[in-house]
Amino acid sequence: MAVDLACDGTETILEIFARCLAALPNLHTLEVISMGTHYSQPLRTALIGVDLPQIRTLVLPSMAHSLLRHCPNVDDLTCTPFRPDEEFVESLAVGQQKLRRFAVLFPGNATAWTGEESS
């Protein structure tokens, strides 16, 4: 599922979006195409009490980091663009023991970095 969380009115639908994700047990890949920075806190609030253990692959801009805390089984994470802050690093560190692949696209640069754990 690919979603754009940068459109007008997103704040009013984030809670419904979070419940929708939780109701899709076969959804294993979630891609957040874009998200306005002003939606970081509303997304965090909408995700309270929501667990998404079915998500295995997550593609998101780093400002959507609050999704990480609710997806404990992610083993493939891609951040586009990658603008880390302290909250992102904290979200990454909490509950991401299953992470095997972490790829980033740096803003203003077409260069990507991928860290993969060897099998």
PDB file of N, CA and C in Angstrom:
ATOM      1  N   MET A   1       0.844  -1.160   0.000  1.00  0.00           N
ATOM      2  CA  MET A   1       0.000   0.000   0.000  1.00  0.00           C
ATOM      3  C   MET A   1       0.890   1.224   0.000  1.00  0.00           C
ATOM      4  N   ALA A   2       0.641   2.156  -0.904  1.00  0.00           N
ATOM      5  CA  ALA A   2       1.378   3.415  -0.948  1.00  0.00           C
ATOM      6  C   ALA A   2       0.416   4.542  -0.592  1.00  0.00           C
ATOM      7  N   VAL A   3       0.845   5.425   0.300  1.00  0.00           N
ATOM      8  CA  VAL A   3      -0.008   6.530   0.730  1.00  0.00           C
ATOM      9  C   VAL A   3       0.766   7.838   0.684  1.00  0.00           C
ATOM     10  N   ASP A   4       0.040   8.919   0.479  1.00  0.00           N
ATOM     11  CA  ASP A   4       0.606  10.266   0.491  1.00  0.00           C
ATOM     12  C   ASP A   4      -0.028  10.984   1.667  1.00  0.00           C
ATOM     13  N   LEU A   5       0.768  11.285   2.672  1.00  0.00           N
ATOM     14  CA  LEU A   5       0.260  11.962   3.869  1.00  0.00           C
ATOM     15  C   LEU A   5       0.635  13.435   3.863  1.00  0.00           C
ATOM     16  N   ALA A   6       0.622  14.049   2.684  1.00  0.00           N
ATOM     17  CA  ALA A   6       0.978  15.456   2.570  1.00  0.00           C
ATOM     18  C   ALA A   6      -0.173  16.296   2.046  1.00  0.00           C
ATOM     19  N   CYS A   7      -1.317  15.680   1.816  1.00  0.00           N
ATOM     20  CA  CYS A   7      -2.428  16.421   1.228  1.00  0.00           C
ATOM     21  C   CYS A   7      -3.195  17.201   2.296  1.00  0.00           C
ATOM     22  N   ASP A   8      -3.959  18.187   1.853  1.00  0.00           N
ATOM     23  CA  ASP A   8      -4.780  18.974   2.769  1.00  0.00           C
ATOM     24  C   ASP A   8      -5.812  18.086   3.439  1.00  0.00           C
ATOM     25  N   GLY A   9      -6.076  18.358   4.692  1.00  0.00           N
ATOM     26  CA  GLY A   9      -7.078  17.616   5.427  1.00  0.00           C
ATOM     27  C   GLY A   9      -6.569  16.324   6.033  1.00  0.00           C
ATOM     28  N   THR A  10      -5.289  16.048   5.897  1.00  0.00           N
ATOM     29  CA  THR A  10      -4.748  14.783   6.381  1.00  0.00           C
ATOM     30  C   THR A  10      -4.949  14.621   7.878  1.00  0.00           C
ATOM     31  N   GLU A  11      -4.843  15.690   8.637  1.00  0.00           N
ATOM     32  CA  GLU A  11      -4.986  15.566  10.090  1.00  0.00           C
ATOM     33  C   GLU A  11      -6.309  14.935  10.480  1.00  0.00           C
ATOM     34  N   THR A  12      -7.353  15.215   9.737  1.00  0.00           N
ATOM     35  CA  THR A  12      -8.672  14.702  10.090  1.00  0.00           C
ATOM     36  C   THR A  12      -8.840  13.232   9.744  1.00  0.00           C
ATOM     37  N   ILE A  13      -7.991  12.686   8.872  1.00  0.00           N
ATOM     38  CA  ILE A  13      -8.162  11.289   8.477  1.00  0.00           C
ATOM     39  C   ILE A  13      -7.092  10.348   9.047  1.00  0.00           C
ATOM     40  N   LEU A  14      -6.110  10.882   9.768  1.00  0.00           N
ATOM     41  CA  LEU A  14      -5.023  10.031  10.258  1.00  0.00           C
ATOM     42  C   LEU A  14      -5.499   8.936  11.206  1.00  0.00           C
ATOM     43  N   GLU A  15      -6.445   9.221  12.052  1.00  0.00           N
ATOM     44  CA  GLU A  15      -6.950   8.201  12.980  1.00  0.00           C
ATOM     45  C   GLU A  15      -7.646   7.078  12.211  1.00  0.00           C
ATOM     46  N   ILE A  16      -8.437   7.440  11.203  1.00  0.00           N
ATOM     47  CA  ILE A  16      -9.101   6.427  10.370  1.00  0.00           C
ATOM     48  C   ILE A  16      -8.062   5.625   9.599  1.00  0.00           C
ATOM     49  N   PHE A  17      -7.043   6.313   9.093  1.00  0.00           N
ATOM     50  CA  PHE A  17      -5.958   5.646   8.369  1.00  0.00           C
ATOM     51  C   PHE A  17      -5.265   4.620   9.269  1.00  0.00           C
ATOM     52  N   ALA A  18      -4.959   4.989  10.501  1.00  0.00           N
ATOM     53  CA  ALA A  18      -4.284   4.084  11.435  1.00  0.00           C
ATOM     54  C   ALA A  18      -5.149   2.861  11.729  1.00  0.00           C
ATOM     55  N   ARG A  19      -6.439   3.055  11.945  1.00  0.00           N
ATOM     56  CA  ARG A  19      -7.344   1.924  12.184  1.00  0.00           C
ATOM     57  C   ARG A  19      -7.451   1.035  10.954  1.00  0.00           C
ATOM     58  N   CYS A  20      -7.457   1.648   9.782  1.00  0.00           N
ATOM     59  CA  CYS A  20      -7.509   0.898   8.532  1.00  0.00           C
ATOM     60  C   CYS A  20      -6.285  -0.008   8.401  1.00  0.00           C
ATOM     61  N   LEU A  21      -5.095   0.526   8.689  1.00  0.00           N
ATOM     62  CA  LEU A  21      -3.877  -0.280   8.620  1.00  0.00           C
ATOM     63  C   LEU A  21      -3.949  -1.478   9.557  1.00  0.00           C
ATOM     64  N   ALA A  22      -4.452  -1.243  10.760  1.00  0.00           N
ATOM     65  CA  ALA A  22      -4.551  -2.325  11.744  1.00  0.00           C
ATOM     66  C   ALA A  22      -5.548  -3.393  11.307  1.00  0.00           C
ATOM     67  N   ALA A  23      -6.516  -3.027  10.471  1.00  0.00           N
ATOM     68  CA  ALA A  23      -7.546  -3.959  10.029  1.00  0.00           C
ATOM     69  C   ALA A  23      -7.139  -4.755   8.792  1.00  0.00           C
ATOM     70  N   LEU A  24      -5.910  -4.577   8.320  1.00  0.00           N
ATOM     71  CA  LEU A  24      -5.443  -5.266   7.123  1.00  0.00           C
ATOM     72  C   LEU A  24      -4.344  -6.263   7.495  1.00  0.00           C
ATOM     73  N   PRO A  25      -4.717  -7.451   7.952  1.00  0.00           N
ATOM     74  CA  PRO A  25      -3.724  -8.407   8.451  1.00  0.00           C
ATOM     75  C   PRO A  25      -2.781  -8.942   7.370  1.00  0.00           C
ATOM     76  N   ASN A  26      -3.141  -8.851   6.102  1.00  0.00           N
ATOM     77  CA  ASN A  26      -2.286  -9.357   5.029  1.00  0.00           C
ATOM     78  C   ASN A  26      -1.430  -8.276   4.389  1.00  0.00           C
ATOM     79  N   LEU A  27      -1.489  -7.076   4.934  1.00  0.00           N
ATOM     80  CA  LEU A  27      -0.675  -5.974   4.417  1.00  0.00           C
ATOM     81  C   LEU A  27       0.735  -6.105   4.989  1.00  0.00           C
ATOM     82  N   HIS A  28       1.698  -6.382   4.145  1.00  0.00           N
ATOM     83  CA  HIS A  28       3.071  -6.592   4.602  1.00  0.00           C
ATOM     84  C   HIS A  28       4.022  -5.478   4.196  1.00  0.00           C
ATOM     85  N   THR A  29       3.601  -4.633   3.232  1.00  0.00           N
ATOM     86  CA  THR A  29       4.449  -3.542   2.759  1.00  0.00           C
ATOM     87  C   THR A  29       3.671  -2.236   2.841  1.00  0.00           C
ATOM     88  N   LEU A  30       4.276  -1.250   3.468  1.00  0.00           N
ATOM     89  CA  LEU A  30       3.672   0.077   3.564  1.00  0.00           C
ATOM     90  C   LEU A  30       4.680   1.101   3.085  1.00  0.00           C
ATOM     91  N   GLU A  31       4.274   1.926   2.132  1.00  0.00           N
ATOM     92  CA  GLU A  31       5.131   2.983   1.606  1.00  0.00           C
ATOM     93  C   GLU A  31       4.429   4.321   1.790  1.00  0.00           C
ATOM     94  N   VAL A  32       5.042   5.198   2.569  1.00  0.00           N
ATOM     95  CA  VAL A  32       4.545   6.558   2.737  1.00  0.00           C
ATOM     96  C   VAL A  32       5.318   7.403   1.727  1.00  0.00           C
ATOM     97  N   ILE A  33       4.652   7.794   0.663  1.00  0.00           N
ATOM     98  CA  ILE A  33       5.307   8.498  -0.438  1.00  0.00           C
ATOM     99  C   ILE A  33       5.817   9.859   0.008  1.00  0.00           C
ATOM    100  N   SER A  34       4.978  10.587   0.709  1.00  0.00           N
ATOM    101  CA  SER A  34       5.406  11.886   1.238  1.00  0.00           C
ATOM    102  C   SER A  34       4.550  12.224   2.445  1.00  0.00           C
ATOM    103  N   MET A  35       5.085  13.111   3.257  1.00  0.00           N
ATOM    104  CA  MET A  35       4.372  13.537   4.458  1.00  0.00           C
ATOM    105  C   MET A  35       4.898  14.895   4.873  1.00  0.00           C
ATOM    106  N   GLY A  36       3.994  15.825   5.123  1.00  0.00           N
ATOM    107  CA  GLY A  36       4.389  17.136   5.608  1.00  0.00           C
ATOM    108  C   GLY A  36       4.906  17.046   7.028  1.00  0.00           C
ATOM    109  N   THR A  37       5.928  17.828   7.345  1.00  0.00           N
ATOM    110  CA  THR A  37       6.510  17.774   8.688  1.00  0.00           C
ATOM    111  C   THR A  37       5.488  18.118   9.771  1.00  0.00           C
ATOM    112  N   HIS A  38       4.492  18.938   9.431  1.00  0.00           N
ATOM    113  CA  HIS A  38       3.488  19.322  10.430  1.00  0.00           C
ATOM    114  C   HIS A  38       2.528  18.180  10.762  1.00  0.00           C
ATOM    115  N   TYR A  39       2.642  17.033  10.091  1.00  0.00           N
ATOM    116  CA  TYR A  39       1.801  15.885  10.400  1.00  0.00           C
ATOM    117  C   TYR A  39       2.500  14.876  11.297  1.00  0.00           C
ATOM    118  N   SER A  40       3.741  15.121  11.678  1.00  0.00           N
ATOM    119  CA  SER A  40       4.466  14.167  12.527  1.00  0.00           C
ATOM    120  C   SER A  40       3.750  13.927  13.849  1.00  0.00           C
ATOM    121  N   GLN A  41       3.401  14.983  14.550  1.00  0.00           N
ATOM    122  CA  GLN A  41       2.717  14.838  15.840  1.00  0.00           C
ATOM    123  C   GLN A  41       1.314  14.268  15.674  1.00  0.00           C
ATOM    124  N   PRO A  42       0.497  14.749  14.723  1.00  0.00           N
ATOM    125  CA  PRO A  42      -0.825  14.130  14.552  1.00  0.00           C
ATOM    126  C   PRO A  42      -0.745  12.643  14.198  1.00  0.00           C
ATOM    127  N   LEU A  43       0.254  12.229  13.432  1.00  0.00           N
ATOM    128  CA  LEU A  43       0.414  10.813  13.113  1.00  0.00           C
ATOM    129  C   LEU A  43       0.760  10.035  14.373  1.00  0.00           C
ATOM    130  N   ARG A  44       1.663  10.570  15.178  1.00  0.00           N
ATOM    131  CA  ARG A  44       2.039   9.912  16.443  1.00  0.00           C
ATOM    132  C   ARG A  44       0.798   9.723  17.319  1.00  0.00           C
ATOM    133  N   THR A  45      -0.035  10.741  17.399  1.00  0.00           N
ATOM    134  CA  THR A  45      -1.258  10.676  18.207  1.00  0.00           C
ATOM    135  C   THR A  45      -2.237   9.652  17.638  1.00  0.00           C
ATOM    136  N   ALA A  46      -2.399   9.632  16.319  1.00  0.00           N
ATOM    137  CA  ALA A  46      -3.335   8.701  15.674  1.00  0.00           C
ATOM    138  C   ALA A  46      -2.921   7.247  15.866  1.00  0.00           C
ATOM    139  N   LEU A  47      -1.634   7.000  16.046  1.00  0.00           N
ATOM    140  CA  LEU A  47      -1.134   5.635  16.176  1.00  0.00           C
ATOM    141  C   LEU A  47      -1.175   5.083  17.606  1.00  0.00           C
ATOM    142  N   ILE A  48      -1.576   5.904  18.562  1.00  0.00           N
ATOM    143  CA  ILE A  48      -1.648   5.436  19.953  1.00  0.00           C
ATOM    144  C   ILE A  48      -2.580   4.238  20.028  1.00  0.00           C
ATOM    145  N   GLY A  49      -2.080   3.139  20.587  1.00  0.00           N
ATOM    146  CA  GLY A  49      -2.866   1.928  20.749  1.00  0.00           C
ATOM    147  C   GLY A  49      -2.960   1.059  19.503  1.00  0.00           C
ATOM    148  N   VAL A  50      -2.284   1.448  18.434  1.00  0.00           N
ATOM    149  CA  VAL A  50      -2.323   0.681  17.188  1.00  0.00           C
ATOM    150  C   VAL A  50      -1.042  -0.131  17.057  1.00  0.00           C
ATOM    151  N   ASP A  51      -1.184  -1.434  16.825  1.00  0.00           N
ATOM    152  CA  ASP A  51      -0.033  -2.299  16.572  1.00  0.00           C
ATOM    153  C   ASP A  51      -0.144  -2.822  15.148  1.00  0.00           C
ATOM    154  N   LEU A  52       0.988  -2.818  14.439  1.00  0.00           N
ATOM    155  CA  LEU A  52       1.025  -3.254  13.049  1.00  0.00           C
ATOM    156  C   LEU A  52       2.080  -4.346  12.867  1.00  0.00           C
ATOM    157  N   PRO A  53       1.902  -5.490  13.532  1.00  0.00           N
ATOM    158  CA  PRO A  53       2.916  -6.540  13.456  1.00  0.00           C
ATOM    159  C   PRO A  53       3.005  -7.188  12.075  1.00  0.00           C
ATOM    160  N   GLN A  54       2.004  -6.980  11.235  1.00  0.00           N
ATOM    161  CA  GLN A  54       2.001  -7.586   9.917  1.00  0.00           C
ATOM    162  C   GLN A  54       2.933  -6.886   8.929  1.00  0.00           C
ATOM    163  N   ILE A  55       3.333  -5.650   9.229  1.00  0.00           N
ATOM    164  CA  ILE A  55       4.185  -4.879   8.318  1.00  0.00           C
ATOM    165  C   ILE A  55       5.612  -5.405   8.410  1.00  0.00           C
ATOM    166  N   ARG A  56       6.158  -5.816   7.276  1.00  0.00           N
ATOM    167  CA  ARG A  56       7.529  -6.332   7.196  1.00  0.00           C
ATOM    168  C   ARG A  56       8.453  -5.375   6.432  1.00  0.00           C
ATOM    169  N   THR A  57       7.900  -4.695   5.439  1.00  0.00           N
ATOM    170  CA  THR A  57       8.680  -3.758   4.628  1.00  0.00           C
ATOM    171  C   THR A  57       8.062  -2.379   4.783  1.00  0.00           C
ATOM    172  N   LEU A  58       8.894  -1.404   5.141  1.00  0.00           N
ATOM    173  CA  LEU A  58       8.422  -0.052   5.396  1.00  0.00           C
ATOM    174  C   LEU A  58       9.293   0.931   4.630  1.00  0.00           C
ATOM    175  N   VAL A  59       8.650   1.765   3.819  1.00  0.00           N
ATOM    176  CA  VAL A  59       9.331   2.821   3.069  1.00  0.00           C
ATOM    177  C   VAL A  59       8.686   4.126   3.516  1.00  0.00           C
ATOM    178  N   LEU A  60       9.490   5.042   4.065  1.00  0.00           N
ATOM    179  CA  LEU A  60       8.905   6.253   4.608  1.00  0.00           C
ATOM    180  C   LEU A  60       9.909   7.390   4.663  1.00  0.00           C
ATOM    181  N   PRO A  61       9.408   8.628   4.619  1.00  0.00           N
ATOM    182  CA  PRO A  61      10.295   9.752   4.901  1.00  0.00           C
ATOM    183  C   PRO A  61      10.597   9.735   6.400  1.00  0.00           C
ATOM    184  N   SER A  62      11.760  10.213   6.782  1.00  0.00           N
ATOM    185  CA  SER A  62      12.146  10.109   8.189  1.00  0.00           C
ATOM    186  C   SER A  62      11.201  10.856   9.128  1.00  0.00           C
ATOM    187  N   MET A  63      10.425  11.835   8.625  1.00  0.00           N
ATOM    188  CA  MET A  63       9.484  12.529   9.516  1.00  0.00           C
ATOM    189  C   MET A  63       8.273  11.664   9.882  1.00  0.00           C
ATOM    190  N   ALA A  64       8.126  10.505   9.241  1.00  0.00           N
ATOM    191  CA  ALA A  64       7.060   9.566   9.590  1.00  0.00           C
ATOM    192  C   ALA A  64       7.583   8.473  10.513  1.00  0.00           C
ATOM    193  N   HIS A  65       8.655   8.769  11.233  1.00  0.00           N
ATOM    194  CA  HIS A  65       9.337   7.781  12.077  1.00  0.00           C
ATOM    195  C   HIS A  65       8.447   7.149  13.128  1.00  0.00           C
ATOM    196  N   SER A  66       7.368   7.811  13.523  1.00  0.00           N
ATOM    197  CA  SER A  66       6.522   7.242  14.574  1.00  0.00           C
ATOM    198  C   SER A  66       5.907   5.911  14.138  1.00  0.00           C
ATOM    199  N   LEU A  67       5.798   5.661  12.852  1.00  0.00           N
ATOM    200  CA  LEU A  67       5.307   4.363  12.377  1.00  0.00           C
ATOM    201  C   LEU A  67       6.222   3.218  12.827  1.00  0.00           C
ATOM    202  N   LEU A  68       7.519   3.489  12.933  1.00  0.00           N
ATOM    203  CA  LEU A  68       8.476   2.451  13.316  1.00  0.00           C
ATOM    204  C   LEU A  68       8.125   1.794  14.647  1.00  0.00           C
ATOM    205  N   ARG A  69       7.696   2.587  15.595  1.00  0.00           N
ATOM    206  CA  ARG A  69       7.383   2.070  16.932  1.00  0.00           C
ATOM    207  C   ARG A  69       6.190   1.121  16.927  1.00  0.00           C
ATOM    208  N   HIS A  70       5.396   1.182  15.888  1.00  0.00           N
ATOM    209  CA  HIS A  70       4.178   0.375  15.815  1.00  0.00           C
ATOM    210  C   HIS A  70       4.313  -0.813  14.864  1.00  0.00           C
ATOM    211  N   CYS A  71       5.478  -0.964  14.272  1.00  0.00           N
ATOM    212  CA  CYS A  71       5.744  -2.046  13.319  1.00  0.00           C
ATOM    213  C   CYS A  71       6.932  -2.869  13.823  1.00  0.00           C
ATOM    214  N   PRO A  72       6.737  -3.693  14.837  1.00  0.00           N
ATOM    215  CA  PRO A  72       7.851  -4.400  15.471  1.00  0.00           C
ATOM    216  C   PRO A  72       8.504  -5.483  14.614  1.00  0.00           C
ATOM    217  N   ASN A  73       7.861  -5.893  13.534  1.00  0.00           N
ATOM    218  CA  ASN A  73       8.404  -6.973  12.714  1.00  0.00           C
ATOM    219  C   ASN A  73       9.023  -6.502  11.404  1.00  0.00           C
ATOM    220  N   VAL A  74       9.273  -5.216  11.294  1.00  0.00           N
ATOM    221  CA  VAL A  74       9.909  -4.695  10.080  1.00  0.00           C
ATOM    222  C   VAL A  74      11.315  -5.273   9.961  1.00  0.00           C
ATOM    223  N   ASP A  75      11.599  -5.848   8.804  1.00  0.00           N
ATOM    224  CA  ASP A  75      12.964  -6.321   8.560  1.00  0.00           C
ATOM    225  C   ASP A  75      13.609  -5.600   7.382  1.00  0.00           C
ATOM    226  N   ASP A  76      12.847  -4.752   6.691  1.00  0.00           N
ATOM    227  CA  ASP A  76      13.358  -3.999   5.550  1.00  0.00           C
ATOM    228  C   ASP A  76      12.826  -2.569   5.661  1.00  0.00           C
ATOM    229  N   LEU A  77      13.729  -1.619   5.914  1.00  0.00           N
ATOM    230  CA  LEU A  77      13.355  -0.224   6.116  1.00  0.00           C
ATOM    231  C   LEU A  77      14.102   0.657   5.127  1.00  0.00           C
ATOM    232  N   THR A  78      13.350   1.498   4.413  1.00  0.00           N
ATOM    233  CA  THR A  78      13.944   2.474   3.498  1.00  0.00           C
ATOM    234  C   THR A  78      13.428   3.852   3.875  1.00  0.00           C
ATOM    235  N   CYS A  79      14.331   4.806   4.034  1.00  0.00           N
ATOM    236  CA  CYS A  79      13.959   6.188   4.342  1.00  0.00           C
ATOM    237  C   CYS A  79      14.261   7.069   3.140  1.00  0.00           C
ATOM    238  N   THR A  80      13.226   7.733   2.642  1.00  0.00           N
ATOM    239  CA  THR A  80      13.364   8.620   1.494  1.00  0.00           C
ATOM    240  C   THR A  80      12.548   9.879   1.728  1.00  0.00           C
ATOM    241  N   PRO A  81      13.061  11.045   1.868  1.00  0.00           N
ATOM    242  CA  PRO A  81      14.482  11.305   2.060  1.00  0.00           C
ATOM    243  C   PRO A  81      14.883  11.053   3.510  1.00  0.00           C
ATOM    244  N   PHE A  82      16.169  10.997   3.740  1.00  0.00           N
ATOM    245  CA  PHE A  82      16.696  10.712   5.070  1.00  0.00           C
ATOM    246  C   PHE A  82      17.181  12.004   5.707  1.00  0.00           C
ATOM    247  N   ARG A  83      16.417  12.485   6.675  1.00  0.00           N
ATOM    248  CA  ARG A  83      16.774  13.670   7.460  1.00  0.00           C
ATOM    249  C   ARG A  83      16.612  13.295   8.923  1.00  0.00           C
ATOM    250  N   PRO A  84      17.566  12.550   9.450  1.00  0.00           N
ATOM    251  CA  PRO A  84      17.389  12.026  10.806  1.00  0.00           C
ATOM    252  C   PRO A  84      17.468  13.109  11.870  1.00  0.00           C
ATOM    253  N   ASP A  85      16.703  12.898  12.908  1.00  0.00           N
ATOM    254  CA  ASP A  85      16.818  13.726  14.101  1.00  0.00           C
ATOM    255  C   ASP A  85      16.824  12.771  15.286  1.00  0.00           C
ATOM    256  N   GLU A  86      16.899  13.315  16.471  1.00  0.00           N
ATOM    257  CA  GLU A  86      16.996  12.477  17.670  1.00  0.00           C
ATOM    258  C   GLU A  86      15.788  11.553  17.814  1.00  0.00           C
ATOM    259  N   GLU A  87      14.589  12.057  17.489  1.00  0.00           N
ATOM    260  CA  GLU A  87      13.387  11.233  17.595  1.00  0.00           C
ATOM    261  C   GLU A  87      13.423  10.061  16.616  1.00  0.00           C
ATOM    262  N   PHE A  88      13.946  10.296  15.410  1.00  0.00           N
ATOM    263  CA  PHE A  88      14.041   9.212  14.434  1.00  0.00           C
ATOM    264  C   PHE A  88      14.963   8.117  14.951  1.00  0.00           C
ATOM    265  N   VAL A  89      16.124   8.515  15.444  1.00  0.00           N
ATOM    266  CA  VAL A  89      17.089   7.534  15.950  1.00  0.00           C
ATOM    267  C   VAL A  89      16.483   6.759  17.116  1.00  0.00           C
ATOM    268  N   GLU A  90      15.759   7.431  17.996  1.00  0.00           N
ATOM    269  CA  GLU A  90      15.115   6.761  19.117  1.00  0.00           C
ATOM    270  C   GLU A  90      14.062   5.772  18.630  1.00  0.00           C
ATOM    271  N   SER A  91      13.261   6.166  17.641  1.00  0.00           N
ATOM    272  CA  SER A  91      12.250   5.266  17.084  1.00  0.00           C
ATOM    273  C   SER A  91      12.893   4.054  16.426  1.00  0.00           C
ATOM    274  N   LEU A  92      14.017   4.278  15.786  1.00  0.00           N
ATOM    275  CA  LEU A  92      14.734   3.189  15.128  1.00  0.00           C
ATOM    276  C   LEU A  92      15.283   2.205  16.163  1.00  0.00           C
ATOM    277  N   ALA A  93      15.765   2.724  17.261  1.00  0.00           N
ATOM    278  CA  ALA A  93      16.400   1.887  18.282  1.00  0.00           C
ATOM    279  C   ALA A  93      15.388   1.077  19.097  1.00  0.00           C
ATOM    280  N   VAL A  94      14.166   1.578  19.223  1.00  0.00           N
ATOM    281  CA  VAL A  94      13.156   0.919  20.048  1.00  0.00           C
ATOM    282  C   VAL A  94      12.437  -0.157  19.235  1.00  0.00           C
ATOM    283  N   GLY A  95      12.642  -1.391  19.602  1.00  0.00           N
ATOM    284  CA  GLY A  95      11.879  -2.487  19.026  1.00  0.00           C
ATOM    285  C   GLY A  95      12.205  -2.885  17.607  1.00  0.00           C
ATOM    286  N   GLN A  96      13.364  -2.559  17.120  1.00  0.00           N
ATOM    287  CA  GLN A  96      13.694  -2.926  15.740  1.00  0.00           C
ATOM    288  C   GLN A  96      14.777  -4.003  15.684  1.00  0.00           C
ATOM    289  N   GLN A  97      14.684  -4.993  16.556  1.00  0.00           N
ATOM    290  CA  GLN A  97      15.671  -6.059  16.593  1.00  0.00           C
ATOM    291  C   GLN A  97      15.629  -6.943  15.351  1.00  0.00           C
ATOM    292  N   LYS A  98      14.529  -6.946  14.608  1.00  0.00           N
ATOM    293  CA  LYS A  98      14.394  -7.797  13.427  1.00  0.00           C
ATOM    294  C   LYS A  98      14.875  -7.124  12.150  1.00  0.00           C
ATOM    295  N   LEU A  99      15.302  -5.887  12.233  1.00  0.00           N
ATOM    296  CA  LEU A  99      15.730  -5.140  11.054  1.00  0.00           C
ATOM    297  C   LEU A  99      16.962  -5.790  10.432  1.00  0.00           C
ATOM    298  N   ARG A 100      16.842  -6.144   9.148  1.00  0.00           N
ATOM    299  CA  ARG A 100      17.944  -6.775   8.411  1.00  0.00           C
ATOM    300  C   ARG A 100      18.480  -5.867   7.311  1.00  0.00           C
ATOM    301  N   ARG A 101      17.652  -4.946   6.814  1.00  0.00           N
ATOM    302  CA  ARG A 101      18.072  -4.060   5.733  1.00  0.00           C
ATOM    303  C   ARG A 101      17.596  -2.646   6.047  1.00  0.00           C
ATOM    304  N   PHE A 102      18.503  -1.695   5.926  1.00  0.00           N
ATOM    305  CA  PHE A 102      18.209  -0.287   6.177  1.00  0.00           C
ATOM    306  C   PHE A 102      18.826   0.516   5.040  1.00  0.00           C
ATOM    307  N   ALA A 103      17.992   1.133   4.233  1.00  0.00           N
ATOM    308  CA  ALA A 103      18.468   1.914   3.091  1.00  0.00           C
ATOM    309  C   ALA A 103      18.008   3.357   3.253  1.00  0.00           C
ATOM    310  N   VAL A 104      18.843   4.288   2.822  1.00  0.00           N
ATOM    311  CA  VAL A 104      18.497   5.705   2.918  1.00  0.00           C
ATOM    312  C   VAL A 104      18.805   6.411   1.608  1.00  0.00           C
ATOM    313  N   LEU A 105      18.017   7.423   1.318  1.00  0.00           N
ATOM    314  CA  LEU A 105      18.270   8.316   0.208  1.00  0.00           C
ATOM    315  C   LEU A 105      18.479   9.689   0.823  1.00  0.00           C
ATOM    316  N   PHE A 106      19.669  10.230   0.635  1.00  0.00           N
ATOM    317  CA  PHE A 106      19.990  11.518   1.235  1.00  0.00           C
ATOM    318  C   PHE A 106      19.378  12.648   0.417  1.00  0.00           C
ATOM    319  N   PRO A 107      18.789  13.670   1.071  1.00  0.00           N
ATOM    320  CA  PRO A 107      18.156  14.767   0.346  1.00  0.00           C
ATOM    321  C   PRO A 107      19.172  15.535  -0.494  1.00  0.00           C
ATOM    322  N   GLY A 108      18.728  15.919  -1.683  1.00  0.00           N
ATOM    323  CA  GLY A 108      19.584  16.703  -2.568  1.00  0.00           C
ATOM    324  C   GLY A 108      20.690  15.891  -3.207  1.00  0.00           C
ATOM    325  N   ASN A 109      20.609  14.577  -3.093  1.00  0.00           N
ATOM    326  CA  ASN A 109      21.670  13.725  -3.616  1.00  0.00           C
ATOM    327  C   ASN A 109      21.022  12.430  -4.091  1.00  0.00           C
ATOM    328  N   ALA A 110      21.345  12.007  -5.251  1.00  0.00           N
ATOM    329  CA  ALA A 110      20.768  10.782  -5.791  1.00  0.00           C
ATOM    330  C   ALA A 110      21.437   9.539  -5.210  1.00  0.00           C
ATOM    331  N   THR A 111      22.413   9.729  -4.332  1.00  0.00           N
ATOM    332  CA  THR A 111      23.148   8.608  -3.763  1.00  0.00           C
ATOM    333  C   THR A 111      22.350   7.949  -2.645  1.00  0.00           C
ATOM    334  N   ALA A 112      22.274   6.670  -2.697  1.00  0.00           N
ATOM    335  CA  ALA A 112      21.607   5.910  -1.640  1.00  0.00           C
ATOM    336  C   ALA A 112      22.649   5.090  -0.894  1.00  0.00           C
ATOM    337  N   TRP A 113      22.360   4.800   0.360  1.00  0.00           N
ATOM    338  CA  TRP A 113      23.219   3.935   1.174  1.00  0.00           C
ATOM    339  C   TRP A 113      22.355   2.794   1.659  1.00  0.00           C
ATOM    340  N   THR A 114      22.876   1.604   1.599  1.00  0.00           N
ATOM    341  CA  THR A 114      22.158   0.445   2.092  1.00  0.00           C
ATOM    342  C   THR A 114      23.046  -0.340   3.023  1.00  0.00           C
ATOM    343  N   GLY A 115      22.514  -0.644   4.180  1.00  0.00           N
ATOM    344  CA  GLY A 115      23.207  -1.516   5.121  1.00  0.00           C
ATOM    345  C   GLY A 115      22.412  -2.801   5.221  1.00  0.00           C
ATOM    346  N   GLU A 116      23.033  -3.913   4.897  1.00  0.00           N
ATOM    347  CA  GLU A 116      22.347  -5.195   4.979  1.00  0.00           C
ATOM    348  C   GLU A 116      23.122  -6.135   5.872  1.00  0.00           C
ATOM    349  N   GLU A 117      22.373  -6.876   6.669  1.00  0.00           N
ATOM    350  CA  GLU A 117      22.984  -7.892   7.517  1.00  0.00           C
ATOM    351  C   GLU A 117      23.148  -9.134   6.665  1.00  0.00           C
ATOM    352  N   SER A 118      24.332  -9.694   6.691  1.00  0.00           N
ATOM    353  CA  SER A 118      24.548 -10.908   5.909  1.00  0.00           C
ATOM    354  C   SER A 118      23.892 -12.091   6.593  1.00  0.00           C
ATOM    355  N   SER A 119      23.441 -13.039   5.786  1.00  0.00           N
ATOM    356  CA  SER A 119      22.738 -14.221   6.330  1.00  0.00           C
ATOM    357  C   SER A 119      23.708 -15.245   6.829  1.00  0.00           C
TER     358      SER A 119
END
